Amino acid sequence: ILILISCKKEEVTDNTAPIEQEPILNLSSSISPFTLDLSSANFYQNIS
């Protein structure tokens, strides 16, 4: 019985669900098609 218990302990695995990573979208800014009043705004063109 002691041998079986010892084996059981060794077989225990971590079933904690992996932390899902946030999806990342690669962006590259472009020149705005018209003047933006907010100079700190960014414009991204033709994102599929």
All heavy atoms as atom14 arrays in JSON, in Angstrom:
{
  "sequence": "ILILISCKKEEVTDNTAPIEQEPILNLSSSISPFTLDLSSANFYQNIS",
  "atom14_mask": [
    [1, 1, 1, 1, 1, 1, 1, 1, 0, 0, 0, 0, 0, 0],
    [1, 1, 1, 1, 1, 1, 1, 1, 0, 0, 0, 0, 0, 0],
    [1, 1, 1, 1, 1, 1, 1, 1, 0, 0, 0, 0, 0, 0],
    [1, 1, 1, 1, 1, 1, 1, 1, 0, 0, 0, 0, 0, 0],
    [1, 1, 1, 1, 1, 1, 1, 1, 0, 0, 0, 0, 0, 0],
    [1, 1, 1, 1, 1, 1, 0, 0, 0, 0, 0, 0, 0, 0],
    [1, 1, 1, 1, 1, 1, 0, 0, 0, 0, 0, 0, 0, 0],
    [1, 1, 1, 1, 1, 1, 1, 1, 1, 0, 0, 0, 0, 0],
    [1, 1, 1, 1, 1, 1, 1, 1, 1, 0, 0, 0, 0, 0],
    [1, 1, 1, 1, 1, 1, 1, 1, 1, 0, 0, 0, 0, 0],
    [1, 1, 1, 1, 1, 1, 1, 1, 1, 0, 0, 0, 0, 0],
    [1, 1, 1, 1, 1, 1, 1, 0, 0, 0, 0, 0, 0, 0],
    [1, 1, 1, 1, 1, 1, 1, 0, 0, 0, 0, 0, 0, 0],
    [1, 1, 1, 1, 1, 1, 1, 1, 0, 0, 0, 0, 0, 0],
    [1, 1, 1, 1, 1, 1, 1, 1, 0, 0, 0, 0, 0, 0],
    [1, 1, 1, 1, 1, 1, 1, 0, 0, 0, 0, 0, 0, 0],
    [1, 1, 1, 1, 1, 0, 0, 0, 0, 0, 0, 0, 0, 0],
    [1, 1, 1, 1, 1, 1, 1, 0, 0, 0, 0, 0, 0, 0],
    [1, 1, 1, 1, 1, 1, 1, 1, 0, 0, 0, 0, 0, 0],
    [1, 1, 1, 1, 1, 1, 1, 1, 1, 0, 0, 0, 0, 0],
    [1, 1, 1, 1, 1, 1, 1, 1, 1, 0, 0, 0, 0, 0],
    [1, 1, 1, 1, 1, 1, 1, 1, 1, 0, 0, 0, 0, 0],
    [1, 1, 1, 1, 1, 1, 1, 0, 0, 0, 0, 0, 0, 0],
    [1, 1, 1, 1, 1, 1, 1, 1, 0, 0, 0, 0, 0, 0],
    [1, 1, 1, 1, 1, 1, 1, 1, 0, 0, 0, 0, 0, 0],
    [1, 1, 1, 1, 1, 1, 1, 1, 0, 0, 0, 0, 0, 0],
    [1, 1, 1, 1, 1, 1, 1, 1, 0, 0, 0, 0, 0, 0],
    [1, 1, 1, 1, 1, 1, 0, 0, 0, 0, 0, 0, 0, 0],
    [1, 1, 1, 1, 1, 1, 0, 0, 0, 0, 0, 0, 0, 0],
    [1, 1, 1, 1, 1, 1, 0, 0, 0, 0, 0, 0, 0, 0],
    [1, 1, 1, 1, 1, 1, 1, 1, 0, 0, 0, 0, 0, 0],
    [1, 1, 1, 1, 1, 1, 0, 0, 0, 0, 0, 0, 0, 0],
    [1, 1, 1, 1, 1, 1, 1, 0, 0, 0, 0, 0, 0, 0],
    [1, 1, 1, 1, 1, 1, 1, 1, 1, 1, 1, 0, 0, 0],
    [1, 1, 1, 1, 1, 1, 1, 0, 0, 0, 0, 0, 0, 0],
    [1, 1, 1, 1, 1, 1, 1, 1, 0, 0, 0, 0, 0, 0],
    [1, 1, 1, 1, 1, 1, 1, 1, 0, 0, 0, 0, 0, 0],
    [1, 1, 1, 1, 1, 1, 1, 1, 0, 0, 0, 0, 0, 0],
    [1, 1, 1, 1, 1, 1, 0, 0, 0, 0, 0, 0, 0, 0],
    [1, 1, 1, 1, 1, 1, 0, 0, 0, 0, 0, 0, 0, 0],
    [1, 1, 1, 1, 1, 0, 0, 0, 0, 0, 0, 0, 0, 0],
    [1, 1, 1, 1, 1, 1, 1, 1, 0, 0, 0, 0, 0, 0],
    [1, 1, 1, 1, 1, 1, 1, 1, 1, 1, 1, 0, 0, 0],
    [1, 1, 1, 1, 1, 1, 1, 1, 1, 1, 1, 1, 0, 0],
    [1, 1, 1, 1, 1, 1, 1, 1, 1, 0, 0, 0, 0, 0],
    [1, 1, 1, 1, 1, 1, 1, 1, 0, 0, 0, 0, 0, 0],
    [1, 1, 1, 1, 1, 1, 1, 1, 0, 0, 0, 0, 0, 0],
    [1, 1, 1, 1, 1, 1, 0, 0, 0, 0, 0, 0, 0, 0]
  ],
  "atom14_positions": [
    [[0.83, -1.21, 0.0], [0.0, 0.0, 0.0], [0.86, 1.25, 0.0], [0.6, 2.22, -0.71], [-0.96, -0.01, 1.21], [-2.0, -1.12, 1.04], [-1.64, 1.34, 1.38], [-2.86, -1.35, 2.26], [0.0, 0.0, 0.0], [0.0, 0.0, 0.0], [0.0, 0.0, 0.0], [0.0, 0.0, 0.0], [0.0, 0.0, 0.0], [0.0, 0.0, 0.0]],
    [[1.94, 1.22, 0.81], [2.84, 2.39, 0.87], [3.5, 2.64, -0.48], [3.69, 3.78, -0.9], [3.9, 2.16, 1.94], [3.39, 2.19, 3.39], [4.53, 1.81, 4.35], [2.86, 3.57, 3.73], [0.0, 0.0, 0.0], [0.0, 0.0, 0.0], [0.0, 0.0, 0.0], [0.0, 0.0, 0.0], [0.0, 0.0, 0.0], [0.0, 0.0, 0.0]],
    [[3.87, 1.56, -1.17], [4.48, 1.72, -2.5], [3.49, 2.34, -3.48], [3.82, 3.23, -4.26], [4.97, 0.35, -3.03], [6.16, -0.13, -2.19], [5.36, 0.45, -4.5], [6.64, -1.51, -2.57], [0.0, 0.0, 0.0], [0.0, 0.0, 0.0], [0.0, 0.0, 0.0], [0.0, 0.0, 0.0], [0.0, 0.0, 0.0], [0.0, 0.0, 0.0]],
    [[2.22, 1.88, -3.44], [1.19, 2.42, -4.34], [0.95, 3.9, -4.07], [0.81, 4.71, -4.99], [-0.11, 1.63, -4.17], [-0.12, 0.21, -4.75], [-1.41, -0.5, -4.36], [0.03, 0.25, -6.26], [0.0, 0.0, 0.0], [0.0, 0.0, 0.0], [0.0, 0.0, 0.0], [0.0, 0.0, 0.0], [0.0, 0.0, 0.0], [0.0, 0.0, 0.0]],
    [[0.88, 4.27, -2.78], [0.67, 5.68, -2.43], [1.81, 6.53, -2.93], [1.63, 7.62, -3.48], [0.52, 5.82, -0.9], [-0.78, 5.18, -0.44], [0.55, 7.3, -0.49], [-0.96, 5.13, 1.07], [0.0, 0.0, 0.0], [0.0, 0.0, 0.0], [0.0, 0.0, 0.0], [0.0, 0.0, 0.0], [0.0, 0.0, 0.0], [0.0, 0.0, 0.0]],
    [[3.03, 6.02, -2.79], [4.2, 6.76, -3.26], [4.15, 6.96, -4.76], [4.44, 8.04, -5.28], [5.47, 6.0, -2.87], [6.61, 6.64, -3.37], [0.0, 0.0, 0.0], [0.0, 0.0, 0.0], [0.0, 0.0, 0.0], [0.0, 0.0, 0.0], [0.0, 0.0, 0.0], [0.0, 0.0, 0.0], [0.0, 0.0, 0.0], [0.0, 0.0, 0.0]],
    [[3.73, 5.93, -5.5], [3.64, 6.04, -6.96], [2.57, 7.04, -7.36], [2.73, 7.81, -8.3], [3.33, 4.67, -7.56], [4.7, 3.49, -7.41], [0.0, 0.0, 0.0], [0.0, 0.0, 0.0], [0.0, 0.0, 0.0], [0.0, 0.0, 0.0], [0.0, 0.0, 0.0], [0.0, 0.0, 0.0], [0.0, 0.0, 0.0], [0.0, 0.0, 0.0]],
    [[1.45, 7.03, -6.62], [0.36, 7.95, -6.92], [0.82, 9.39, -6.79], [0.51, 10.26, -7.59], [-0.82, 7.7, -5.97], [-1.59, 6.43, -6.26], [-2.45, 6.57, -7.51], [-3.31, 5.35, -7.74], [-4.13, 5.49, -8.95], [0.0, 0.0, 0.0], [0.0, 0.0, 0.0], [0.0, 0.0, 0.0], [0.0, 0.0, 0.0], [0.0, 0.0, 0.0]],
    [[1.61, 9.64, -5.73], [2.09, 11.0, -5.51], [2.99, 11.45, -6.65], [2.96, 12.59, -7.08], [2.85, 11.08, -4.19], [1.93, 11.01, -2.97], [2.71, 11.16, -1.7], [1.79, 11.12, -0.47], [2.55, 11.26, 0.79], [0.0, 0.0, 0.0], [0.0, 0.0, 0.0], [0.0, 0.0, 0.0], [0.0, 0.0, 0.0], [0.0, 0.0, 0.0]],
    [[3.8, 10.53, -7.14], [4.71, 10.87, -8.23], [3.97, 11.12, -9.53], [4.42, 11.86, -10.39], [5.74, 9.76, -8.42], [6.72, 9.65, -7.26], [7.7, 8.52, -7.47], [7.57, 7.83, -8.51], [8.58, 8.33, -6.62], [0.0, 0.0, 0.0], [0.0, 0.0, 0.0], [0.0, 0.0, 0.0], [0.0, 0.0, 0.0], [0.0, 0.0, 0.0]],
    [[2.8, 10.48, -9.68], [2.05, 10.61, -10.92], [1.19, 11.86, -10.97], [0.64, 12.21, -12.0], [1.14, 9.38, -11.1], [1.92, 8.11, -11.4], [1.0, 6.9, -11.41], [-0.23, 7.08, -11.22], [1.5, 5.79, -11.63], [0.0, 0.0, 0.0], [0.0, 0.0, 0.0], [0.0, 0.0, 0.0], [0.0, 0.0, 0.0], [0.0, 0.0, 0.0]],
    [[1.03, 12.56, -9.82], [0.19, 13.76, -9.78], [0.78, 14.83, -10.68], [1.97, 15.14, -10.6], [0.06, 14.29, -8.34], [-0.67, 15.62, -8.34], [-0.69, 13.28, -7.49], [0.0, 0.0, 0.0], [0.0, 0.0, 0.0], [0.0, 0.0, 0.0], [0.0, 0.0, 0.0], [0.0, 0.0, 0.0], [0.0, 0.0, 0.0], [0.0, 0.0, 0.0]],
    [[-0.03, 15.38, -11.54], [0.42, 16.43, -12.45], [-0.34, 17.72, -12.17], [-1.42, 17.71, -11.58], [0.19, 16.03, -13.92], [-1.2, 15.71, -14.09], [1.03, 14.81, -14.27], [0.0, 0.0, 0.0], [0.0, 0.0, 0.0], [0.0, 0.0, 0.0], [0.0, 0.0, 0.0], [0.0, 0.0, 0.0], [0.0, 0.0, 0.0], [0.0, 0.0, 0.0]],
    [[0.22, 18.81, -12.61], [-0.41, 20.11, -12.43], [-1.46, 20.31, -13.52], [-1.12, 20.49, -14.68], [0.65, 21.2, -12.49], [0.06, 22.57, -12.22], [-1.12, 22.63, -11.85], [0.79, 23.57, -12.37], [0.0, 0.0, 0.0], [0.0, 0.0, 0.0], [0.0, 0.0, 0.0], [0.0, 0.0, 0.0], [0.0, 0.0, 0.0], [0.0, 0.0, 0.0]],
    [[-2.73, 20.28, -13.1], [-3.82, 20.42, -14.07], [-4.31, 21.86, -14.17], [-5.39, 22.12, -14.71], [-5.0, 19.52, -13.67], [-4.63, 18.05, -13.82], [-3.94, 17.68, -14.76], [-5.08, 17.22, -12.89], [0.0, 0.0, 0.0], [0.0, 0.0, 0.0], [0.0, 0.0, 0.0], [0.0, 0.0, 0.0], [0.0, 0.0, 0.0], [0.0, 0.0, 0.0]],
    [[-3.52, 22.78, -13.63], [-3.92, 24.18, -13.71], [-3.98, 24.62, -15.16], [-3.05, 24.42, -15.93], [-2.91, 25.07, -12.95], [-2.81, 24.6, -11.61], [-3.38, 26.52, -12.96], [0.0, 0.0, 0.0], [0.0, 0.0, 0.0], [0.0, 0.0, 0.0], [0.0, 0.0, 0.0], [0.0, 0.0, 0.0], [0.0, 0.0, 0.0], [0.0, 0.0, 0.0]],
    [[-5.1, 25.22, -15.55], [-5.27, 25.66, -16.93], [-4.27, 26.75, -17.26], [-4.03, 27.65, -16.46], [-6.7, 26.18, -17.14], [0.0, 0.0, 0.0], [0.0, 0.0, 0.0], [0.0, 0.0, 0.0], [0.0, 0.0, 0.0], [0.0, 0.0, 0.0], [0.0, 0.0, 0.0], [0.0, 0.0, 0.0], [0.0, 0.0, 0.0], [0.0, 0.0, 0.0]],
    [[-3.64, 26.68, -18.44], [-2.67, 27.72, -18.82], [-3.34, 29.07, -18.98], [-4.49, 29.17, -19.4], [-2.12, 27.2, -20.16], [-3.2, 26.32, -20.69], [-3.83, 25.68, -19.49], [0.0, 0.0, 0.0], [0.0, 0.0, 0.0], [0.0, 0.0, 0.0], [0.0, 0.0, 0.0], [0.0, 0.0, 0.0], [0.0, 0.0, 0.0], [0.0, 0.0, 0.0]],
    [[-2.62, 30.11, -18.63], [-3.17, 31.46, -18.77], [-3.18, 31.84, -20.25], [-2.16, 31.79, -20.93], [-2.31, 32.47, -17.98], [-2.32, 32.1, -16.48], [-2.83, 33.88, -18.18], [-1.41, 32.95, -15.64], [0.0, 0.0, 0.0], [0.0, 0.0, 0.0], [0.0, 0.0, 0.0], [0.0, 0.0, 0.0], [0.0, 0.0, 0.0], [0.0, 0.0, 0.0]],
    [[-4.36, 32.18, -20.73], [-4.49, 32.53, -22.14], [-3.84, 33.88, -22.41], [-4.08, 34.85, -21.71], [-5.97, 32.58, -22.54], [-6.65, 31.22, -22.5], [-8.07, 31.31, -23.04], [-8.46, 32.41, -23.49], [-8.78, 30.3, -23.0], [0.0, 0.0, 0.0], [0.0, 0.0, 0.0], [0.0, 0.0, 0.0], [0.0, 0.0, 0.0], [0.0, 0.0, 0.0]],
    [[-3.02, 33.93, -23.44], [-2.38, 35.18, -23.81], [-3.33, 36.03, -24.63], [-4.13, 35.52, -25.41], [-1.1, 34.91, -24.61], [-0.02, 34.21, -23.81], [1.25, 34.03, -24.62], [1.25, 34.17, -25.84], [2.35, 33.73, -23.95], [0.0, 0.0, 0.0], [0.0, 0.0, 0.0], [0.0, 0.0, 0.0], [0.0, 0.0, 0.0], [0.0, 0.0, 0.0]],
    [[-3.25, 37.32, -24.41], [-4.09, 38.23, -25.16], [-3.67, 38.22, -26.63], [-2.47, 38.24, -26.94], [-3.98, 39.65, -24.6], [-4.53, 39.82, -23.19], [-6.03, 39.71, -23.15], [-6.67, 39.76, -24.22], [-6.58, 39.55, -22.05], [0.0, 0.0, 0.0], [0.0, 0.0, 0.0], [0.0, 0.0, 0.0], [0.0, 0.0, 0.0], [0.0, 0.0, 0.0]],
    [[-4.63, 38.17, -27.56], [-4.28, 38.21, -28.99], [-3.63, 39.55, -29.34], [-4.04, 40.6, -28.85], [-5.63, 38.04, -29.69], [-6.65, 38.48, -28.69], [-6.08, 38.09, -27.35], [0.0, 0.0, 0.0], [0.0, 0.0, 0.0], [0.0, 0.0, 0.0], [0.0, 0.0, 0.0], [0.0, 0.0, 0.0], [0.0, 0.0, 0.0], [0.0, 0.0, 0.0]],
    [[-2.6, 39.48, -30.16], [-1.87, 40.7, -30.53], [-2.01, 40.94, -32.03], [-1.82, 40.04, -32.84], [-0.38, 40.57, -30.16], [-0.23, 40.41, -28.64], [0.4, 41.77, -30.66], [1.19, 40.16, -28.2], [0.0, 0.0, 0.0], [0.0, 0.0, 0.0], [0.0, 0.0, 0.0], [0.0, 0.0, 0.0], [0.0, 0.0, 0.0], [0.0, 0.0, 0.0]],
    [[-2.34, 42.17, -32.37], [-2.46, 42.58, -33.77], [-1.3, 43.52, -34.08], [-1.12, 44.56, -33.44], [-3.79, 43.3, -33.98], [-4.1, 43.8, -35.39], [-4.23, 42.63, -36.36], [-5.39, 44.62, -35.4], [0.0, 0.0, 0.0], [0.0, 0.0, 0.0], [0.0, 0.0, 0.0], [0.0, 0.0, 0.0], [0.0, 0.0, 0.0], [0.0, 0.0, 0.0]],
    [[-0.47, 43.13, -35.05], [0.66, 43.97, -35.43], [0.19, 45.14, -36.27], [-0.43, 44.97, -37.31], [1.68, 43.13, -36.22], [2.34, 42.05, -35.36], [2.63, 42.28, -34.19], [2.55, 40.88, -35.94], [0.0, 0.0, 0.0], [0.0, 0.0, 0.0], [0.0, 0.0, 0.0], [0.0, 0.0, 0.0], [0.0, 0.0, 0.0], [0.0, 0.0, 0.0]],
    [[0.49, 46.33, -35.8], [0.02, 47.55, -36.46], [1.19, 48.42, -36.88], [2.21, 48.5, -36.2], [-0.89, 48.34, -35.51], [-2.18, 47.66, -35.05], [-2.85, 48.48, -33.96], [-3.12, 47.46, -36.23], [0.0, 0.0, 0.0], [0.0, 0.0, 0.0], [0.0, 0.0, 0.0], [0.0, 0.0, 0.0], [0.0, 0.0, 0.0], [0.0, 0.0, 0.0]],
    [[1.01, 49.09, -38.02], [1.99, 50.05, -38.51], [1.26, 51.31, -38.93], [0.39, 51.27, -39.81], [2.77, 49.46, -39.69], [3.73, 50.38, -40.16], [0.0, 0.0, 0.0], [0.0, 0.0, 0.0], [0.0, 0.0, 0.0], [0.0, 0.0, 0.0], [0.0, 0.0, 0.0], [0.0, 0.0, 0.0], [0.0, 0.0, 0.0], [0.0, 0.0, 0.0]],
    [[1.55, 52.42, -38.29], [0.81, 53.66, -38.55], [1.09, 54.23, -39.94], [2.15, 53.99, -40.52], [1.15, 54.71, -37.48], [2.53, 55.02, -37.52], [0.0, 0.0, 0.0], [0.0, 0.0, 0.0], [0.0, 0.0, 0.0], [0.0, 0.0, 0.0], [0.0, 0.0, 0.0], [0.0, 0.0, 0.0], [0.0, 0.0, 0.0], [0.0, 0.0, 0.0]],
    [[0.12, 54.96, -40.45], [0.22, 55.6, -41.76], [-0.1, 57.09, -41.61], [-0.52, 57.55, -40.55], [-0.75, 54.95, -42.75], [-0.52, 53.57, -42.87], [0.0, 0.0, 0.0], [0.0, 0.0, 0.0], [0.0, 0.0, 0.0], [0.0, 0.0, 0.0], [0.0, 0.0, 0.0], [0.0, 0.0, 0.0], [0.0, 0.0, 0.0], [0.0, 0.0, 0.0]],
    [[0.1, 57.82, -42.71], [-0.25, 59.25, -42.71], [-1.75, 59.38, -42.84], [-2.38, 58.75, -43.69], [0.46, 59.97, -43.86], [1.98, 59.86, -43.71], [0.04, 61.44, -43.92], [2.76, 60.45, -44.87], [0.0, 0.0, 0.0], [0.0, 0.0, 0.0], [0.0, 0.0, 0.0], [0.0, 0.0, 0.0], [0.0, 0.0, 0.0], [0.0, 0.0, 0.0]],
    [[-2.35, 60.21, -42.0], [-3.8, 60.4, -42.03], [-4.24, 61.02, -43.36], [-3.54, 61.87, -43.92], [-4.23, 61.3, -40.87], [-5.61, 61.59, -40.96], [0.0, 0.0, 0.0], [0.0, 0.0, 0.0], [0.0, 0.0, 0.0], [0.0, 0.0, 0.0], [0.0, 0.0, 0.0], [0.0, 0.0, 0.0], [0.0, 0.0, 0.0], [0.0, 0.0, 0.0]],
    [[-5.39, 60.6, -43.9], [-5.88, 61.15, -45.17], [-6.35, 62.59, -45.07], [-6.59, 63.24, -46.09], [-7.03, 60.21, -45.53], [-7.48, 59.65, -44.23], [-6.26, 59.53, -43.38], [0.0, 0.0, 0.0], [0.0, 0.0, 0.0], [0.0, 0.0, 0.0], [0.0, 0.0, 0.0], [0.0, 0.0, 0.0], [0.0, 0.0, 0.0], [0.0, 0.0, 0.0]],
    [[-6.49, 63.1, -43.87], [-6.86, 64.51, -43.67], [-6.26, 64.96, -42.33], [-5.78, 64.15, -41.53], [-8.37, 64.71, -43.69], [-9.12, 63.9, -42.67], [-9.39, 64.41, -41.4], [-9.56, 62.61, -42.96], [-10.07, 63.66, -40.45], [-10.24, 61.86, -42.02], [-10.49, 62.37, -40.77], [0.0, 0.0, 0.0], [0.0, 0.0, 0.0], [0.0, 0.0, 0.0]],
    [[-6.26, 66.26, -42.1], [-5.63, 66.81, -40.9], [-6.42, 66.44, -39.65], [-7.64, 66.64, -39.59], [-5.53, 68.35, -40.99], [-4.78, 68.7, -42.16], [-4.83, 68.93, -39.77], [0.0, 0.0, 0.0], [0.0, 0.0, 0.0], [0.0, 0.0, 0.0], [0.0, 0.0, 0.0], [0.0, 0.0, 0.0], [0.0, 0.0, 0.0], [0.0, 0.0, 0.0]],
    [[-5.72, 65.91, -38.69], [-6.34, 65.56, -37.42], [-6.07, 66.65, -36.4], [-4.92, 67.09, -36.23], [-5.8, 64.22, -36.9], [-6.03, 62.99, -37.79], [-5.39, 61.76, -37.15], [-7.52, 62.76, -38.0], [0.0, 0.0, 0.0], [0.0, 0.0, 0.0], [0.0, 0.0, 0.0], [0.0, 0.0, 0.0], [0.0, 0.0, 0.0], [0.0, 0.0, 0.0]],
    [[-7.13, 67.09, -35.73], [-6.96, 68.12, -34.7], [-6.15, 67.59, -33.53], [-5.39, 68.31, -32.9], [-8.33, 68.6, -34.2], [-9.12, 69.32, -35.3], [-8.48, 69.78, -36.28], [-10.35, 69.41, -35.18], [0.0, 0.0, 0.0], [0.0, 0.0, 0.0], [0.0, 0.0, 0.0], [0.0, 0.0, 0.0], [0.0, 0.0, 0.0], [0.0, 0.0, 0.0]],
    [[-6.33, 66.32, -33.23], [-5.61, 65.69, -32.12], [-4.3, 65.14, -32.67], [-4.26, 64.09, -33.3], [-6.46, 64.57, -31.52], [-6.0, 63.98, -30.19], [-6.01, 65.04, -29.09], [-6.87, 62.8, -29.79], [0.0, 0.0, 0.0], [0.0, 0.0, 0.0], [0.0, 0.0, 0.0], [0.0, 0.0, 0.0], [0.0, 0.0, 0.0], [0.0, 0.0, 0.0]],
    [[-3.23, 65.87, -32.43], [-1.94, 65.5, -33.01], [-1.41, 64.16, -32.49], [-0.59, 63.52, -33.13], [-0.9, 66.6, -32.73], [-0.77, 66.8, -31.33], [0.0, 0.0, 0.0], [0.0, 0.0, 0.0], [0.0, 0.0, 0.0], [0.0, 0.0, 0.0], [0.0, 0.0, 0.0], [0.0, 0.0, 0.0], [0.0, 0.0, 0.0], [0.0, 0.0, 0.0]],
    [[-1.91, 63.76, -31.31], [-1.43, 62.52, -30.73], [-2.2, 61.29, -31.22], [-1.92, 60.17, -30.8], [-1.51, 62.57, -29.2], [-2.84, 62.8, -28.78], [0.0, 0.0, 0.0], [0.0, 0.0, 0.0], [0.0, 0.0, 0.0], [0.0, 0.0, 0.0], [0.0, 0.0, 0.0], [0.0, 0.0, 0.0], [0.0, 0.0, 0.0], [0.0, 0.0, 0.0]],
    [[-3.17, 61.48, -32.09], [-3.94, 60.35, -32.62], [-3.12, 59.63, -33.7], [-2.34, 60.25, -34.42], [-5.26, 60.82, -33.19], [0.0, 0.0, 0.0], [0.0, 0.0, 0.0], [0.0, 0.0, 0.0], [0.0, 0.0, 0.0], [0.0, 0.0, 0.0], [0.0, 0.0, 0.0], [0.0, 0.0, 0.0], [0.0, 0.0, 0.0], [0.0, 0.0, 0.0]],
    [[-3.33, 58.33, -33.82], [-2.64, 57.53, -34.82], [-3.64, 57.0, -35.85], [-4.79, 56.7, -35.51], [-1.9, 56.36, -34.17], [-0.75, 56.82, -33.29], [0.01, 57.7, -33.65], [-0.64, 56.23, -32.11], [0.0, 0.0, 0.0], [0.0, 0.0, 0.0], [0.0, 0.0, 0.0], [0.0, 0.0, 0.0], [0.0, 0.0, 0.0], [0.0, 0.0, 0.0]],
    [[-3.18, 56.87, -37.09], [-4.03, 56.36, -38.17], [-3.41, 55.08, -38.73], [-2.22, 55.03, -39.03], [-4.15, 57.41, -39.29], [-4.88, 56.91, -40.51], [-6.24, 56.64, -40.47], [-4.19, 56.7, -41.7], [-6.91, 56.18, -41.6], [-4.85, 56.23, -42.83], [-6.22, 55.97, -42.77], [0.0, 0.0, 0.0], [0.0, 0.0, 0.0], [0.0, 0.0, 0.0]],
    [[-4.24, 54.04, -38.84], [-3.79, 52.75, -39.38], [-4.66, 52.4, -40.57], [-5.89, 52.41, -40.49], [-3.89, 51.67, -38.3], [-3.09, 52.0, -37.06], [-3.71, 52.62, -35.96], [-1.73, 51.71, -36.98], [-2.98, 52.94, -34.83], [-1.0, 52.03, -35.84], [-1.62, 52.66, -34.77], [-0.9, 52.98, -33.66], [0.0, 0.0, 0.0], [0.0, 0.0, 0.0]],
    [[-4.02, 52.08, -41.68], [-4.72, 51.92, -42.96], [-4.74, 50.47, -43.42], [-3.78, 49.73, -43.24], [-4.04, 52.79, -44.03], [-4.78, 52.88, -45.35], [-4.09, 53.84, -46.31], [-2.87, 53.97, -46.3], [-4.86, 54.51, -47.14], [0.0, 0.0, 0.0], [0.0, 0.0, 0.0], [0.0, 0.0, 0.0], [0.0, 0.0, 0.0], [0.0, 0.0, 0.0]],
    [[-5.89, 50.09, -44.0], [-6.04, 48.77, -44.64], [-5.67, 47.59, -43.74], [-4.86, 46.72, -44.1], [-5.21, 48.71, -45.93], [-5.74, 49.65, -47.0], [-6.94, 49.92, -47.06], [-4.86, 50.15, -47.85], [0.0, 0.0, 0.0], [0.0, 0.0, 0.0], [0.0, 0.0, 0.0], [0.0, 0.0, 0.0], [0.0, 0.0, 0.0], [0.0, 0.0, 0.0]],
    [[-6.27, 47.55, -42.58], [-6.11, 46.4, -41.69], [-7.05, 45.3, -42.18], [-8.26, 45.51, -42.31], [-6.45, 46.77, -40.23], [-5.55, 47.92, -39.76], [-6.33, 45.56, -39.33], [-5.94, 48.48, -38.4], [0.0, 0.0, 0.0], [0.0, 0.0, 0.0], [0.0, 0.0, 0.0], [0.0, 0.0, 0.0], [0.0, 0.0, 0.0], [0.0, 0.0, 0.0]],
    [[-6.54, 44.14, -42.46], [-7.35, 43.03, -43.0], [-8.11, 42.33, -41.87], [-7.51, 41.95, -40.87], [-6.46, 42.02, -43.73], [-5.84, 42.61, -44.84], [0.0, 0.0, 0.0], [0.0, 0.0, 0.0], [0.0, 0.0, 0.0], [0.0, 0.0, 0.0], [0.0, 0.0, 0.0], [0.0, 0.0, 0.0], [0.0, 0.0, 0.0], [0.0, 0.0, 0.0]]
  ]
}
